[in-house]
């Protein structure tokens, strides 16, 4: 109903792209969950390592198909979880100076196989946590920023990106500055979620227009 107030708790979904259970990435995402729950919101976690996610296949029809990817795996269920959330945090370690392969496979399949048709994540709040030893964490962060913006999500700033560094062989949250950035990001995500809800409650409309949902469709219209 137009102008109706949503009374349920905001939902933030954390997606971990780490192969290592209990490692730095999981610890950072758990901490984000504590902060979110402390604000009275719901936090759910998807560990990609626990799901069957097929790499993109050589079918070659991704740019022409008009229906979601048909590869039989857990991607459809994960995408539905993303659609139900108010905000999404991608948490991933640096591997080989780049994005860990689990997250790379995931964002490829999600984007090309499911999200590009109508951009269902538009106007959802996005956050990013990158864990690493010392190098390339900013590059990985930038790649995920591009992914969030491609999906028309709202990326909240925290002063500095949530880059959590640990040079110890043992997992641990010892990066004071990184944790400060993570805390600011988590709180600002909740703040933005509540602001978006208040706007929709008052106006009955989303804060951003939803008519531009698929750049391929718009491009084909302009060509024709």
C-alpha atoms as a PDB file:
ATOM      1  CA  UNK A   1       0.000   0.000   0.000  1.00  0.00           C
ATOM      2  CA  UNK A   2       1.348   3.401  -0.953  1.00  0.00           C
ATOM      3  CA  UNK A   3       2.765   5.274   2.027  1.00  0.00           C
ATOM      4  CA  UNK A   4       2.552   2.248   4.325  1.00  0.00           C
ATOM      5  CA  UNK A   5       5.099   2.125   7.135  1.00  0.00           C
ATOM      6  CA  UNK A   6       7.341  -0.946   7.255  1.00  0.00           C
ATOM      7  CA  UNK A   7       7.419  -2.042  10.870  1.00  0.00           C
ATOM      8  CA  UNK A   8       9.702  -5.082  10.619  1.00  0.00           C
ATOM      9  CA  UNK A   9      13.366  -4.776  11.491  1.00  0.00           C
ATOM     10  CA  UNK A  10      15.799  -3.736   8.749  1.00  0.00           C
ATOM     11  CA  UNK A  11      17.696  -6.720   7.380  1.00  0.00           C
ATOM     12  CA  UNK A  12      21.395  -6.581   6.533  1.00  0.00           C
ATOM     13  CA  UNK A  13      22.829  -9.555   4.647  1.00  0.00           C
ATOM     14  CA  UNK A  14      26.536 -10.318   4.986  1.00  0.00           C
ATOM     15  CA  UNK A  15      28.126 -12.351   2.192  1.00  0.00           C
ATOM     16  CA  UNK A  16      31.485 -13.926   3.001  1.00  0.00           C
ATOM     17  CA  UNK A  17      33.742 -14.784   0.085  1.00  0.00           C
ATOM     18  CA  UNK A  18      36.390 -16.531   2.175  1.00  0.00           C
ATOM     19  CA  UNK A  19      37.267 -20.219   1.990  1.00  0.00           C
ATOM     20  CA  UNK A  20      38.593 -20.123   5.550  1.00  0.00           C
ATOM     21  CA  UNK A  21      36.058 -20.629   8.322  1.00  0.00           C
ATOM     22  CA  UNK A  22      36.895 -18.528  11.353  1.00  0.00           C
ATOM     23  CA  UNK A  23      39.492 -16.454   9.512  1.00  0.00           C
ATOM     24  CA  UNK A  24      39.924 -12.693   9.399  1.00  0.00           C
ATOM     25  CA  UNK A  25      37.031 -12.205   6.970  1.00  0.00           C
ATOM     26  CA  UNK A  26      34.591 -14.194   9.101  1.00  0.00           C
ATOM     27  CA  UNK A  27      35.722 -12.367  12.235  1.00  0.00           C
ATOM     28  CA  UNK A  28      35.209  -8.984  10.593  1.00  0.00           C
ATOM     29  CA  UNK A  29      31.784  -9.963   9.276  1.00  0.00           C
ATOM     30  CA  UNK A  30      30.788 -11.338  12.693  1.00  0.00           C
ATOM     31  CA  UNK A  31      31.777  -8.013  14.236  1.00  0.00           C
ATOM     32  CA  UNK A  32      29.679  -6.161  11.676  1.00  0.00           C
ATOM     33  CA  UNK A  33      26.788  -8.429  12.629  1.00  0.00           C
ATOM     34  CA  UNK A  34      27.187  -7.534  16.297  1.00  0.00           C
ATOM     35  CA  UNK A  35      27.046  -3.842  15.437  1.00  0.00           C
ATOM     36  CA  UNK A  36      23.970  -4.260  13.250  1.00  0.00           C
ATOM     37  CA  UNK A  37      22.117  -6.292  15.853  1.00  0.00           C
ATOM     38  CA  UNK A  38      23.091  -3.728  18.462  1.00  0.00           C
ATOM     39  CA  UNK A  39      21.101  -1.197  16.456  1.00  0.00           C
ATOM     40  CA  UNK A  40      18.010  -3.404  16.603  1.00  0.00           C
ATOM     41  CA  UNK A  41      18.306  -4.677  13.026  1.00  0.00           C
ATOM     42  CA  UNK A  42      18.521  -8.249  11.746  1.00  0.00           C
ATOM     43  CA  UNK A  43      21.811  -9.596  10.404  1.00  0.00           C
ATOM     44  CA  UNK A  44      22.039 -12.717   8.281  1.00  0.00           C
ATOM     45  CA  UNK A  45      25.135 -14.324   6.804  1.00  0.00           C
ATOM     46  CA  UNK A  46      25.779 -16.305   3.635  1.00  0.00           C
ATOM     47  CA  UNK A  47      29.086 -18.166   3.517  1.00  0.00           C
ATOM     48  CA  UNK A  48      29.785 -18.815  -0.145  1.00  0.00           C
ATOM     49  CA  UNK A  49      32.061 -21.739   0.758  1.00  0.00           C
ATOM     50  CA  UNK A  50      29.014 -23.606   2.062  1.00  0.00           C
ATOM     51  CA  UNK A  51      27.148 -23.319  -1.244  1.00  0.00           C
ATOM     52  CA  UNK A  52      27.468 -24.868  -4.653  1.00  0.00           C
ATOM     53  CA  UNK A  53      28.195 -22.049  -7.083  1.00  0.00           C
ATOM     54  CA  UNK A  54      29.135 -22.988 -10.619  1.00  0.00           C
ATOM     55  CA  UNK A  55      31.515 -20.776 -12.599  1.00  0.00           C
ATOM     56  CA  UNK A  56      30.071 -19.188 -15.725  1.00  0.00           C
ATOM     57  CA  UNK A  57      29.873 -21.870 -18.416  1.00  0.00           C
ATOM     58  CA  UNK A  58      30.917 -21.587 -22.077  1.00  0.00           C
ATOM     59  CA  UNK A  59      27.279 -21.405 -23.273  1.00  0.00           C
ATOM     60  CA  UNK A  60      27.965 -17.922 -24.658  1.00  0.00           C
ATOM     61  CA  UNK A  61      24.409 -16.590 -24.539  1.00  0.00           C
ATOM     62  CA  UNK A  62      24.717 -14.337 -21.471  1.00  0.00           C
ATOM     63  CA  UNK A  63      24.410 -11.155 -23.518  1.00  0.00           C
ATOM     64  CA  UNK A  64      21.335 -12.294 -25.417  1.00  0.00           C
ATOM     65  CA  UNK A  65      19.281 -14.422 -23.028  1.00  0.00           C
ATOM     66  CA  UNK A  66      16.208 -12.843 -21.435  1.00  0.00           C
ATOM     67  CA  UNK A  67      15.777 -15.238 -18.516  1.00  0.00           C
ATOM     68  CA  UNK A  68      18.010 -16.060 -15.520  1.00  0.00           C
ATOM     69  CA  UNK A  69      20.922 -18.463 -15.821  1.00  0.00           C
ATOM     70  CA  UNK A  70      19.862 -22.106 -15.943  1.00  0.00           C
ATOM     71  CA  UNK A  71      22.954 -23.682 -14.387  1.00  0.00           C
ATOM     72  CA  UNK A  72      21.710 -25.892 -11.504  1.00  0.00           C
ATOM     73  CA  UNK A  73      23.314 -24.652  -8.288  1.00  0.00           C
ATOM     74  CA  UNK A  74      22.584 -22.526  -5.199  1.00  0.00           C
ATOM     75  CA  UNK A  75      22.722 -19.132  -6.921  1.00  0.00           C
ATOM     76  CA  UNK A  76      18.937 -18.592  -7.237  1.00  0.00           C
ATOM     77  CA  UNK A  77      18.428 -19.053  -3.473  1.00  0.00           C
ATOM     78  CA  UNK A  78      21.280 -16.664  -2.628  1.00  0.00           C
ATOM     79  CA  UNK A  79      19.943 -14.045  -5.034  1.00  0.00           C
ATOM     80  CA  UNK A  80      16.528 -14.295  -3.363  1.00  0.00           C
ATOM     81  CA  UNK A  81      18.186 -13.652   0.015  1.00  0.00           C
ATOM     82  CA  UNK A  82      19.794 -10.547  -1.480  1.00  0.00           C
ATOM     83  CA  UNK A  83      16.468  -9.309  -2.799  1.00  0.00           C
ATOM     84  CA  UNK A  84      14.853  -9.651   0.632  1.00  0.00           C
ATOM     85  CA  UNK A  85      17.578  -7.644   2.409  1.00  0.00           C
ATOM     86  CA  UNK A  86      17.598  -3.902   2.960  1.00  0.00           C
ATOM     87  CA  UNK A  87      21.380  -3.795   2.784  1.00  0.00           C
ATOM     88  CA  UNK A  88      24.222  -6.077   1.723  1.00  0.00           C
ATOM     89  CA  UNK A  89      27.814  -6.277   2.953  1.00  0.00           C
ATOM     90  CA  UNK A  90      30.370  -8.024   0.771  1.00  0.00           C
ATOM     91  CA  UNK A  91      33.253  -9.345   2.892  1.00  0.00           C
ATOM     92  CA  UNK A  92      36.234 -10.847   1.125  1.00  0.00           C
ATOM     93  CA  UNK A  93      39.958 -11.512   1.578  1.00  0.00           C
ATOM     94  CA  UNK A  94      42.717 -10.558  -0.824  1.00  0.00           C
ATOM     95  CA  UNK A  95      44.093 -13.602  -2.660  1.00  0.00           C
ATOM     96  CA  UNK A  96      46.995 -13.342  -5.092  1.00  0.00           C
ATOM     97  CA  UNK A  97      46.812  -9.529  -5.101  1.00  0.00           C
ATOM     98  CA  UNK A  98      43.183  -9.676  -6.186  1.00  0.00           C
ATOM     99  CA  UNK A  99      39.628 -10.628  -5.335  1.00  0.00           C
ATOM    100  CA  UNK A 100      39.311 -14.096  -3.780  1.00  0.00           C
ATOM    101  CA  UNK A 101      38.024 -16.558  -6.356  1.00  0.00           C
ATOM    102  CA  UNK A 102      34.805 -17.467  -4.512  1.00  0.00           C
ATOM    103  CA  UNK A 103      33.620 -13.861  -4.584  1.00  0.00           C
ATOM    104  CA  UNK A 104      34.793 -13.393  -8.166  1.00  0.00           C
ATOM    105  CA  UNK A 105      32.773 -16.381  -9.346  1.00  0.00           C
ATOM    106  CA  UNK A 106      29.801 -15.212  -7.299  1.00  0.00           C
ATOM    107  CA  UNK A 107      29.628 -11.633  -8.576  1.00  0.00           C
ATOM    108  CA  UNK A 108      30.054 -12.840 -12.168  1.00  0.00           C
ATOM    109  CA  UNK A 109      27.212 -15.346 -11.921  1.00  0.00           C
ATOM    110  CA  UNK A 110      24.968 -13.046  -9.894  1.00  0.00           C
ATOM    111  CA  UNK A 111      25.422 -10.084 -12.193  1.00  0.00           C
ATOM    112  CA  UNK A 112      25.302 -11.685 -15.618  1.00  0.00           C
ATOM    113  CA  UNK A 113      22.978 -14.543 -14.771  1.00  0.00           C
ATOM    114  CA  UNK A 114      20.415 -12.880 -12.511  1.00  0.00           C
ATOM    115  CA  UNK A 115      20.754  -9.207 -11.587  1.00  0.00           C
ATOM    116  CA  UNK A 116      21.222  -7.531 -14.944  1.00  0.00           C
ATOM    117  CA  UNK A 117      17.641  -8.110 -16.131  1.00  0.00           C
ATOM    118  CA  UNK A 118      15.921  -5.624 -13.825  1.00  0.00           C
ATOM    119  CA  UNK A 119      18.580  -4.641 -11.231  1.00  0.00           C
ATOM    120  CA  UNK A 120      16.606  -5.838  -8.171  1.00  0.00           C
ATOM    121  CA  UNK A 121      19.296  -4.499  -5.799  1.00  0.00           C
ATOM    122  CA  UNK A 122      18.643  -0.903  -6.852  1.00  0.00           C
ATOM    123  CA  UNK A 123      18.277   1.432  -3.839  1.00  0.00           C
ATOM    124  CA  UNK A 124      19.551  -1.177  -1.397  1.00  0.00           C
ATOM    125  CA  UNK A 125      22.366  -0.017   0.866  1.00  0.00           C
ATOM    126  CA  UNK A 126      25.765  -1.529   0.155  1.00  0.00           C
ATOM    127  CA  UNK A 127      28.899  -2.007   2.250  1.00  0.00           C
ATOM    128  CA  UNK A 128      32.290  -3.627   1.688  1.00  0.00           C
ATOM    129  CA  UNK A 129      34.852  -5.250   4.003  1.00  0.00           C
ATOM    130  CA  UNK A 130      38.221  -6.333   2.622  1.00  0.00           C
ATOM    131  CA  UNK A 131      40.714  -8.266   4.724  1.00  0.00           C
ATOM    132  CA  UNK A 132      44.343  -8.702   3.791  1.00  0.00           C
ATOM    133  CA  UNK A 133      47.916  -8.806   4.941  1.00  0.00           C
ATOM    134  CA  UNK A 134      49.241  -5.580   3.417  1.00  0.00           C
ATOM    135  CA  UNK A 135      48.844  -5.226  -0.352  1.00  0.00           C
ATOM    136  CA  UNK A 136      46.097  -4.740  -2.972  1.00  0.00           C
ATOM    137  CA  UNK A 137      43.189  -4.413  -0.529  1.00  0.00           C
ATOM    138  CA  UNK A 138      42.262  -1.016  -2.017  1.00  0.00           C
ATOM    139  CA  UNK A 139      42.181  -2.520  -5.526  1.00  0.00           C
ATOM    140  CA  UNK A 140      39.830  -5.281  -4.377  1.00  0.00           C
ATOM    141  CA  UNK A 141      37.668  -2.698  -2.621  1.00  0.00           C
ATOM    142  CA  UNK A 142      37.466  -0.622  -5.806  1.00  0.00           C
ATOM    143  CA  UNK A 143      36.323  -3.636  -7.838  1.00  0.00           C
ATOM    144  CA  UNK A 144      33.473  -4.274  -5.416  1.00  0.00           C
ATOM    145  CA  UNK A 145      32.558  -0.579  -5.410  1.00  0.00           C
ATOM    146  CA  UNK A 146      32.124  -0.803  -9.191  1.00  0.00           C
ATOM    147  CA  UNK A 147      29.918  -3.872  -8.726  1.00  0.00           C
ATOM    148  CA  UNK A 148      27.655  -2.143  -6.196  1.00  0.00           C
ATOM    149  CA  UNK A 149      27.316   0.938  -8.391  1.00  0.00           C
ATOM    150  CA  UNK A 150      26.543  -1.212 -11.436  1.00  0.00           C
ATOM    151  CA  UNK A 151      23.610  -2.659  -9.504  1.00  0.00           C
ATOM    152  CA  UNK A 152      22.297   0.851  -8.631  1.00  0.00           C
ATOM    153  CA  UNK A 153      22.983   0.295  -4.941  1.00  0.00           C
ATOM    154  CA  UNK A 154      23.615   3.097  -2.445  1.00  0.00           C
ATOM    155  CA  UNK A 155      27.191   2.937  -1.164  1.00  0.00           C
ATOM    156  CA  UNK A 156      27.601   4.665   2.175  1.00  0.00           C
ATOM    157  CA  UNK A 157      30.886   6.323   3.050  1.00  0.00           C
ATOM    158  CA  UNK A 158      32.608   5.810   6.373  1.00  0.00           C
ATOM    159  CA  UNK A 159      35.446   8.275   6.071  1.00  0.00           C
ATOM    160  CA  UNK A 160      37.798   5.498   4.999  1.00  0.00           C
ATOM    161  CA  UNK A 161      37.081   2.110   3.391  1.00  0.00           C
ATOM    162  CA  UNK A 162      36.768  -0.836   5.760  1.00  0.00           C
ATOM    163  CA  UNK A 163      40.127  -2.455   4.986  1.00  0.00           C
ATOM    164  CA  UNK A 164      41.119  -4.807   7.808  1.00  0.00           C
ATOM    165  CA  UNK A 165      44.810  -5.727   7.849  1.00  0.00           C
ATOM    166  CA  UNK A 166      46.496  -8.477   9.828  1.00  0.00           C
ATOM    167  CA  UNK A 167      50.128  -9.492   9.329  1.00  0.00           C
ATOM    168  CA  UNK A 168      49.932 -12.218  11.972  1.00  0.00           C
ATOM    169  CA  UNK A 169      49.505 -15.860  10.907  1.00  0.00           C
ATOM    170  CA  UNK A 170      46.711 -16.120  13.479  1.00  0.00           C
ATOM    171  CA  UNK A 171      43.272 -14.647  12.657  1.00  0.00           C
ATOM    172  CA  UNK A 172      42.439 -11.547  14.666  1.00  0.00           C
ATOM    173  CA  UNK A 173      40.899  -8.094  14.567  1.00  0.00           C
ATOM    174  CA  UNK A 174      43.950  -6.053  15.532  1.00  0.00           C
ATOM    175  CA  UNK A 175      43.675  -3.185  13.035  1.00  0.00           C
ATOM    176  CA  UNK A 176      42.310  -0.277  15.068  1.00  0.00           C
ATOM    177  CA  UNK A 177      41.859   2.071  12.126  1.00  0.00           C
ATOM    178  CA  UNK A 178      40.266  -0.633   9.984  1.00  0.00           C
ATOM    179  CA  UNK A 179      37.818  -1.525  12.736  1.00  0.00           C
ATOM    180  CA  UNK A 180      36.922   2.138  13.193  1.00  0.00           C
ATOM    181  CA  UNK A 181      36.068   2.339   9.495  1.00  0.00           C
ATOM    182  CA  UNK A 182      34.019  -0.867   9.752  1.00  0.00           C
ATOM    183  CA  UNK A 183      32.074   0.508  12.714  1.00  0.00           C
ATOM    184  CA  UNK A 184      31.295   3.755  10.926  1.00  0.00           C
ATOM    185  CA  UNK A 185      30.206   1.878   7.826  1.00  0.00           C
ATOM    186  CA  UNK A 186      27.877  -0.448   9.747  1.00  0.00           C
ATOM    187  CA  UNK A 187      26.204   2.397  11.618  1.00  0.00           C
ATOM    188  CA  UNK A 188      25.827   4.506   8.472  1.00  0.00           C
ATOM    189  CA  UNK A 189      24.274   1.560   6.661  1.00  0.00           C
ATOM    190  CA  UNK A 190      21.604   1.294   9.351  1.00  0.00           C
ATOM    191  CA  UNK A 191      21.129   5.074   9.358  1.00  0.00           C
ATOM    192  CA  UNK A 192      20.657   5.126   5.579  1.00  0.00           C
ATOM    193  CA  UNK A 193      18.281   2.158   5.662  1.00  0.00           C
ATOM    194  CA  UNK A 194      16.078   3.918   8.211  1.00  0.00           C
ATOM    195  CA  UNK A 195      16.237   7.173   6.236  1.00  0.00           C
ATOM    196  CA  UNK A 196      15.127   5.413   3.052  1.00  0.00           C
ATOM    197  CA  UNK A 197      12.249   3.809   4.918  1.00  0.00           C
ATOM    198  CA  UNK A 198      11.127   7.154   6.354  1.00  0.00           C
ATOM    199  CA  UNK A 199      11.234   8.738   2.906  1.00  0.00           C
ATOM    200  CA  UNK A 200       9.160   5.969   1.359  1.00  0.00           C
ATOM    201  CA  UNK A 201       6.704   6.062   4.258  1.00  0.00           C
ATOM    202  CA  UNK A 202       6.233   9.816   3.832  1.00  0.00           C
ATOM    203  CA  UNK A 203       6.064   9.933   0.026  1.00  0.00           C
ATOM    204  CA  UNK A 204       5.125   6.450  -1.138  1.00  0.00           C
ATOM    205  CA  UNK A 205       8.023   6.616  -3.578  1.00  0.00           C
ATOM    206  CA  UNK A 206      11.612   5.324  -3.558  1.00  0.00           C
ATOM    207  CA  UNK A 207      14.278   7.923  -2.981  1.00  0.00           C
ATOM    208  CA  UNK A 208      15.821   7.171  -6.384  1.00  0.00           C
ATOM    209  CA  UNK A 209      13.971   6.516  -9.672  1.00  0.00           C
ATOM    210  CA  UNK A 210      13.618   2.904 -10.736  1.00  0.00           C
ATOM    211  CA  UNK A 211      12.879   3.439 -14.444  1.00  0.00           C
ATOM    212  CA  UNK A 212      16.515   2.914 -15.489  1.00  0.00           C
ATOM    213  CA  UNK A 213      16.919  -0.735 -14.542  1.00  0.00           C
ATOM    214  CA  UNK A 214      18.701  -2.348 -17.482  1.00  0.00           C
ATOM    215  CA  UNK A 215      21.354  -0.512 -19.473  1.00  0.00           C
ATOM    216  CA  UNK A 216      21.191  -3.093 -22.263  1.00  0.00           C
ATOM    217  CA  UNK A 217      17.487  -2.441 -22.817  1.00  0.00           C
ATOM    218  CA  UNK A 218      17.994   1.320 -22.824  1.00  0.00           C
ATOM    219  CA  UNK A 219      20.899   0.983 -25.251  1.00  0.00           C
ATOM    220  CA  UNK A 220      18.889  -1.164 -27.661  1.00  0.00           C
ATOM    221  CA  UNK A 221      16.031   1.344 -27.566  1.00  0.00           C
ATOM    222  CA  UNK A 222      18.350   4.210 -28.421  1.00  0.00           C
ATOM    223  CA  UNK A 223      19.864   2.257 -31.321  1.00  0.00           C
ATOM    224  CA  UNK A 224      16.462   1.320 -32.750  1.00  0.00           C
END
